[in-house]
Protein backbone atom coordinates (compact mmCIF):
# COMPACT_ATOMS: atom_id res chain seq x y z
CA MET A 1 109.18 88.07 168.27
CA VAL A 2 107.25 84.88 168.05
CA VAL A 3 104.60 86.44 165.86
CA SER A 4 107.12 87.86 163.47
CA ILE A 5 108.79 84.56 163.11
CA ASN A 6 105.43 82.94 162.47
CA LEU A 7 104.60 85.64 160.00
CA PHE A 8 107.93 85.02 158.25
CA LEU A 9 107.59 81.30 158.04
CA GLY A 10 104.01 81.60 156.86
CA LYS A 11 104.95 83.96 153.98
CA ARG A 12 107.85 81.77 153.15
CA LYS A 13 105.63 78.66 152.94
CA LEU A 14 103.10 80.65 150.81
CA VAL A 15 105.90 81.65 148.36
CA LEU A 16 107.17 78.19 148.19
CA THR A 17 103.78 76.61 147.64
CA ALA A 18 103.10 79.27 144.89
CA ALA A 19 106.35 78.60 143.14
CA THR A 20 105.74 74.81 143.22
CA LEU A 21 102.38 75.26 141.71
CA VAL A 22 103.67 77.44 139.06
CA ALA A 23 106.44 75.01 138.34
CA LEU A 24 103.93 72.06 138.10
CA VAL A 25 101.56 73.90 135.90
CA TYR A 26 104.44 74.87 133.48
CA ILE A 27 105.73 71.17 133.34
CA LEU A 28 102.25 69.73 132.66
CA TYR A 29 101.53 72.44 130.12
CA SER A 30 104.86 71.73 128.32
CA ILE A 31 104.34 68.00 128.29
CA ASP A 32 100.68 68.25 126.95
CA TYR A 33 101.66 70.93 124.53
CA HIS A 34 104.68 68.83 123.37
CA THR A 35 102.53 65.82 122.98
CA TYR A 36 99.78 67.75 121.19
CA ASN A 37 102.11 69.25 118.49
CA GLU A 38 103.81 65.88 117.88
CA ASN A 39 100.65 64.15 117.43
CA CYS A 40 99.06 66.82 115.12
CA PHE A 41 102.12 66.66 112.82
CA ALA A 42 102.37 62.85 112.75
CA ARG A 43 98.80 61.93 112.39
CA GLU A 44 97.60 59.70 109.56
CA PHE A 45 94.32 59.77 107.71
CA SER A 46 91.92 57.03 106.76
CA GLU A 47 91.62 58.34 103.26
CA PRO A 48 95.38 58.95 102.11
CA GLN A 49 94.15 59.71 98.59
CA ARG A 50 92.61 63.01 99.98
CA THR A 51 96.01 64.09 101.55
CA LEU A 52 98.32 66.49 99.52
CA GLU A 53 101.35 64.69 98.04
CA ASP A 54 104.56 64.51 100.04
CA VAL A 55 106.82 67.07 98.43
CA GLN A 56 109.76 64.48 98.54
CA ARG A 57 107.70 61.94 96.84
CA ALA A 58 105.43 64.06 94.51
CA HIS A 59 105.34 63.45 90.82
CA LYS A 60 106.39 67.10 90.32
CA GLN A 61 109.49 67.97 92.31
CA PRO A 62 111.01 71.34 92.93
CA HIS A 63 113.58 72.19 90.25
CA ARG A 64 116.90 73.04 91.68
CA GLY A 65 117.00 76.79 91.85
CA ARG A 66 113.84 78.25 90.16
CA ASN A 67 111.48 77.61 93.08
CA ILE A 68 109.50 79.95 95.23
CA PHE A 69 108.72 78.41 98.57
CA PHE A 70 106.08 79.35 101.28
CA HIS A 71 105.55 77.46 104.54
CA GLU A 72 102.36 76.96 106.39
CA THR A 73 103.25 75.47 109.83
CA SER A 74 100.01 75.73 111.74
CA CYS A 75 98.32 72.56 112.98
CA SER A 76 95.22 71.80 111.14
CA ALA A 77 92.78 70.13 113.66
CA ASP A 78 90.50 68.80 111.01
CA GLY A 79 93.15 68.07 108.35
CA VAL A 80 91.65 70.30 105.76
CA VAL A 81 93.78 72.61 103.61
CA LYS A 82 93.36 76.18 104.70
CA LEU A 83 94.66 79.48 103.61
CA ASN A 84 93.32 82.90 104.32
CA ALA A 85 92.93 85.65 101.57
CA ARG A 86 96.19 87.34 102.63
CA GLN A 87 98.23 84.19 102.47
CA ALA A 88 96.64 83.29 99.21
CA CYS A 89 97.50 86.84 97.82
CA ALA A 90 101.06 86.33 98.67
CA ILE A 91 101.20 83.12 96.63
CA GLU A 92 99.21 84.34 93.69
CA SER A 93 101.40 87.50 93.36
CA ALA A 94 104.52 85.37 93.46
CA ALA A 95 103.20 82.91 90.72
CA ARG A 96 101.70 85.80 88.65
CA MET A 97 104.79 87.91 88.53
CA ASN A 98 107.17 84.78 88.11
CA PRO A 99 105.38 82.49 85.56
CA ASN A 100 108.59 80.79 84.87
CA TRP A 101 109.17 79.87 88.40
CA ASN A 102 107.37 77.12 90.42
CA ALA A 103 105.66 78.22 93.62
CA PHE A 104 105.30 75.57 96.25
CA VAL A 105 103.16 75.88 99.31
CA LEU A 106 104.45 73.49 101.79
CA PHE A 107 102.16 72.34 104.65
CA ALA A 108 103.95 71.11 107.84
CA ALA A 109 100.90 69.05 108.92
CA PRO A 110 99.26 66.35 106.63
CA VAL A 111 96.21 68.11 105.19
CA GLY A 112 94.00 67.57 102.19
CA PHE A 113 90.73 68.36 100.58
CA ARG A 114 87.18 67.41 101.40
CA ASN A 115 85.21 69.64 99.11
CA LYS A 116 87.23 71.75 96.67
CA SER A 117 84.03 73.54 95.33
CA ALA A 118 83.69 75.25 98.84
CA LEU A 119 87.22 76.66 98.60
CA PRO A 120 87.01 79.68 96.21
CA LEU A 121 90.49 80.98 97.44
CA LEU A 122 92.20 77.72 96.56
CA ASP A 123 90.32 77.56 93.21
CA ALA A 124 91.88 81.06 92.36
CA LEU A 125 95.15 79.99 93.32
CA LEU A 126 95.14 76.58 91.46
CA ALA A 127 94.11 78.32 88.32
CA TYR A 128 97.85 79.09 88.02
CA PRO A 129 99.68 76.03 86.68
CA ASN A 130 102.97 76.91 88.58
CA VAL A 131 101.28 76.89 91.92
CA ASN A 132 101.74 73.57 93.79
CA LEU A 133 100.42 72.55 97.15
CA ARG A 134 102.40 69.93 99.06
CA PHE A 135 102.65 68.17 102.47
CA VAL A 136 106.05 68.14 104.32
CA ASN A 137 106.70 64.87 106.25
CA LEU A 138 108.70 66.30 109.28
CA SER A 139 109.88 62.89 110.27
CA THR A 140 111.89 62.51 106.99
CA TYR A 141 112.40 65.88 105.56
CA ALA A 142 115.70 66.60 107.25
CA GLU A 143 117.22 63.16 106.36
CA ASP A 144 120.79 63.59 104.87
CA THR A 145 121.02 67.03 106.37
CA PRO A 146 122.83 68.61 109.31
CA LEU A 147 119.39 68.77 111.15
CA ASP A 148 118.52 65.03 110.77
CA ALA A 149 119.13 64.12 114.49
CA TRP A 150 117.98 67.36 115.88
CA MET A 151 114.66 66.95 114.03
CA GLN A 152 114.22 63.55 115.33
CA SER A 153 114.88 64.65 118.83
CA GLY A 154 111.56 66.57 118.87
CA GLU A 155 113.15 69.74 120.24
CA ILE A 156 111.02 71.89 117.91
CA PHE A 157 107.94 70.76 119.57
CA ARG A 158 109.15 72.07 122.89
CA SER A 159 109.54 75.60 121.44
CA ARG A 160 107.69 78.49 123.08
CA TYR A 161 106.87 79.86 119.71
CA MET A 162 106.55 76.48 118.00
CA ASN A 163 104.77 77.60 114.68
CA SER A 164 107.06 80.50 114.17
CA HIS A 165 110.23 78.55 114.99
CA LEU A 166 109.08 75.56 112.75
CA SER A 167 108.73 78.07 109.84
CA ASP A 168 112.24 79.27 110.58
CA ILE A 169 113.66 75.81 110.66
CA MET A 170 111.71 74.86 107.41
CA ARG A 171 112.77 77.84 105.40
CA TYR A 172 116.55 77.26 105.86
CA LEU A 173 116.13 73.59 105.49
CA THR A 174 114.17 73.92 102.38
CA LEU A 175 116.65 76.34 100.70
CA PHE A 176 119.51 73.96 101.70
CA LYS A 177 117.74 71.04 100.03
CA TYR A 178 116.45 72.65 96.82
CA GLY A 179 117.76 76.16 96.50
CA GLY A 180 115.53 79.13 95.28
CA THR A 181 113.43 81.69 96.96
CA TYR A 182 111.65 81.72 100.39
CA LEU A 183 108.84 84.14 100.94
CA ASP A 184 106.85 84.81 104.07
CA LEU A 185 103.12 84.39 103.60
CA ASP A 186 102.38 88.13 104.53
CA VAL A 187 103.88 89.58 101.32
CA VAL A 188 102.74 91.02 97.97
CA VAL A 189 105.22 90.52 95.13
CA LEU A 190 105.39 93.40 92.82
CA LYS A 191 108.19 92.53 90.31
CA SER A 192 109.81 89.51 88.83
CA PHE A 193 112.69 87.83 90.57
CA ASP A 194 114.40 87.42 87.15
CA THR A 195 115.66 90.99 87.69
CA LEU A 196 117.77 90.09 90.76
CA GLU A 197 121.01 88.19 90.82
CA PRO A 198 121.00 84.93 92.79
CA ASN A 199 121.89 84.74 96.51
CA TYR A 200 120.28 87.58 98.44
CA ALA A 201 118.18 88.81 101.42
CA GLY A 202 117.02 92.17 102.67
CA ALA A 203 117.97 94.43 105.46
CA GLU A 204 115.00 95.10 107.70
CA SER A 205 116.98 97.75 109.78
CA PRO A 206 120.43 98.97 110.43
CA ARG A 207 120.86 96.03 112.91
CA TRP A 208 119.00 93.19 111.06
CA VAL A 209 118.95 91.19 107.96
CA ALA A 210 115.47 89.86 107.77
CA ALA A 211 114.58 86.33 106.81
CA GLY A 212 111.05 87.05 105.12
CA VAL A 213 112.77 87.21 101.64
CA MET A 214 115.75 84.96 100.91
CA ASN A 215 117.44 83.39 97.97
CA PHE A 216 120.05 80.75 97.79
CA GLU A 217 121.44 79.06 94.61
CA PRO A 218 121.33 75.22 94.95
CA ASP A 219 125.06 74.90 94.66
CA GLY A 220 128.20 76.70 94.76
CA HIS A 221 128.53 79.68 97.33
CA GLY A 222 124.66 79.94 97.69
CA HIS A 223 124.58 76.37 98.87
CA GLU A 224 127.55 76.84 101.25
CA LEU A 225 125.78 79.78 102.96
CA ALA A 226 122.43 77.83 103.17
CA GLU A 227 124.53 75.08 104.93
CA MET A 228 125.99 77.56 107.40
CA CYS A 229 122.55 78.83 108.18
CA VAL A 230 121.40 75.26 108.91
CA ARG A 231 124.42 74.61 111.09
CA ASP A 232 123.95 77.91 112.86
CA LEU A 233 120.45 76.68 113.84
CA LEU A 234 121.86 73.46 115.08
CA ILE A 235 124.21 75.45 117.30
CA ASN A 236 122.22 78.42 118.42
CA PHE A 237 118.55 77.23 118.33
CA ASN A 238 116.64 78.96 121.11
CA GLY A 239 113.06 77.93 121.66
CA GLN A 240 112.45 80.89 124.11
CA ASP A 241 113.52 83.72 121.76
CA TRP A 242 111.12 84.72 118.98
CA GLY A 243 113.77 86.27 116.52
CA ASN A 244 116.70 84.12 117.32
CA ASN A 245 115.97 81.48 114.80
CA GLY A 246 114.79 83.51 111.93
CA PRO A 247 116.61 86.90 111.26
CA GLY A 248 119.01 85.95 113.92
CA VAL A 249 120.40 83.08 111.82
CA ILE A 250 120.92 85.05 108.43
CA THR A 251 122.30 88.02 110.41
CA ARG A 252 124.93 85.98 112.35
CA VAL A 253 126.14 84.13 109.28
CA LEU A 254 126.41 87.25 107.17
CA LYS A 255 128.24 89.16 109.97
CA GLN A 256 130.85 86.32 109.75
CA ILE A 257 130.98 86.21 106.03
CA CYS A 258 130.91 89.93 105.32
CA ALA A 259 133.22 90.81 108.12
CA THR A 260 130.96 93.69 109.25
CA LYS A 261 128.16 93.98 111.96
CA SER A 262 126.26 96.44 109.86
CA PRO A 263 123.64 94.98 107.22
CA LEU A 264 123.69 98.28 105.33
CA MET A 265 127.37 97.77 104.69
CA MET A 266 126.86 94.18 103.44
CA THR A 267 127.63 94.56 99.85
CA ARG A 268 127.95 91.90 97.19
CA GLU A 269 131.70 92.62 96.87
CA ARG A 270 132.13 92.14 100.78
CA CYS A 271 129.76 89.18 101.17
CA ARG A 272 131.35 86.88 98.48
CA PHE A 273 128.60 87.28 95.96
CA PHE A 274 125.73 87.57 98.27
CA THR A 275 123.57 90.71 98.21
CA VAL A 276 121.77 92.38 101.19
CA TYR A 277 119.46 94.77 99.61
CA PRO A 278 118.55 97.91 101.41
CA PRO A 279 115.16 98.11 103.36
CA GLU A 280 113.28 99.68 100.29
CA ALA A 281 113.70 96.51 98.33
CA PHE A 282 111.57 94.30 100.61
CA TYR A 283 110.70 96.17 103.74
CA ALA A 284 110.12 99.77 102.52
CA ILE A 285 107.41 100.29 105.04
CA ASN A 286 108.84 99.34 108.54
CA PHE A 287 106.66 97.44 111.11
CA ASP A 288 106.44 100.56 113.15
CA ASP A 289 104.39 102.20 110.24
CA TYR A 290 102.28 99.14 109.39
CA LYS A 291 99.16 101.31 109.53
CA GLN A 292 100.09 102.99 106.33
CA PHE A 293 98.76 99.71 104.64
CA PHE A 294 95.29 100.23 106.10
CA GLU A 295 94.33 103.88 106.16
CA GLU A 296 93.27 105.86 103.10
CA ARG A 297 94.99 109.04 104.24
CA TRP A 298 98.38 107.24 103.62
CA LEU A 299 97.60 105.91 100.29
CA ASP A 300 99.59 108.34 98.08
CA GLN A 301 102.52 108.59 100.42
CA ALA A 302 102.74 104.87 100.83
CA MET A 303 102.43 104.19 97.15
CA ALA A 304 105.35 106.42 96.60
CA THR A 305 107.37 104.60 99.44
CA VAL A 306 107.00 101.15 97.75
CA ASN A 307 107.40 102.37 94.28
CA ARG A 308 110.86 100.80 93.94
CA SER A 309 110.10 97.57 95.97
CA VAL A 310 110.28 94.27 94.56
CA VAL A 311 108.30 92.70 97.44
CA VAL A 312 106.03 94.43 99.94
CA HIS A 313 105.96 93.06 103.56
CA VAL A 314 102.73 93.84 105.52
CA TRP A 315 103.93 92.58 109.01
CA ASN A 316 101.07 90.04 109.66
CA LYS A 317 102.15 89.77 113.30
CA PHE A 318 101.05 93.40 113.98
CA SER A 319 98.37 93.92 111.24
CA LYS A 320 96.31 90.68 111.07
CA ASP A 321 93.46 92.41 112.92
CA HIS A 322 93.11 95.40 110.60
CA LYS A 323 90.34 94.56 108.11
CA VAL A 324 90.43 95.62 104.44
CA ARG A 325 87.06 96.17 102.73
CA VAL A 326 87.21 95.09 99.21
CA GLY A 327 87.20 98.14 97.06
CA SER A 328 88.51 100.54 99.71
CA ARG A 329 91.29 102.87 98.69
CA VAL A 330 93.94 101.71 101.14
CA LEU A 331 97.44 100.62 100.12
CA TYR A 332 97.10 96.84 100.79
CA GLY A 333 93.75 96.68 99.01
CA VAL A 334 95.15 98.53 95.88
CA LEU A 335 98.18 96.42 95.69
CA ALA A 336 95.94 93.23 96.23
CA GLU A 337 93.69 94.27 93.42
CA GLN A 338 96.55 94.68 91.14
CA TYR A 339 98.89 91.96 91.90
CA CYS A 340 96.56 89.04 93.23
CA PRO A 341 93.46 89.99 91.40
CA ARG A 342 91.78 86.39 91.43
CA VAL A 343 92.19 85.97 95.19
CA TYR A 344 91.13 89.61 95.80
CA ARG A 345 87.79 88.93 93.92
CA ALA A 346 87.27 85.68 95.66
CA SER A 347 87.90 86.97 99.23
CA GLY A 348 84.32 88.22 99.87
CA GLU A 349 83.45 91.47 101.59
CA PHE A 350 86.77 91.82 103.46
CA PHE A 351 90.34 91.03 102.17
């Protein structure tokens, strides 16, 4: 009996010790990570002339409505502007297919150039007069919006998925401030947005409206919906849930507006002049089938699948490690060669 009690007490002590260590490690990690992120996005450089212009103070401001926005929310350790070939392709295809729209690439960390001649991808992009690279000052960007105090609290830096959730926050906040179209950086734009009526998103599945392509007008009902999305974030933000603050926001808001739980039933008539396009518009190839972008045997079938698409989404979260050899006959490479030709040529051996 004594032996059993001692064993029990020993095990209990071991479990408590282990739990305490795990808790301490988690707390220390959270504090360090929080501080690291805040410091990264708030840093100042000794040569401010090399830093991108603050989008709120730049000489060229986003026009109200005819804007295409991309957000890069990674923390740059060296403060240098960086975009990979696939991100640059998304930007080029959007600017190329929409020459009368301004494409703004907004960097959440203060970044700039050291040697532009060593950045062929950026040279390819900046050949387009409607491509604009800007910095977003996170300490002031939410001023005069419902998210002002929340952003000042630093809650976003405690998120488990900080980069992804910062992107979620920024896309809704940017569309609330300026209006226009938001795009993820893992897309290829195939058609002009001039063919689409303002105020729209796309269904990813029978359950979810996706947040990778969204358009809100800068005023009227579009602005009202953008504000509803911002306020939903304020109420429902969850730093532990990857999808809650992106597709979760637009899905929740539209369920309320459209009086239906099914994205496939969210018509313009039901949703007060907001359109939820079917998956083939922006997400014709589902994330389960992302390999169709990277294997030659799928080329003909996949081309037929995206034939009616306005935007193609390549699901970077799953596909980022799949290389595309320049010149190979896979769907992603074929689309890149046609819709982002300058970036494709500048990407080297692999795209």
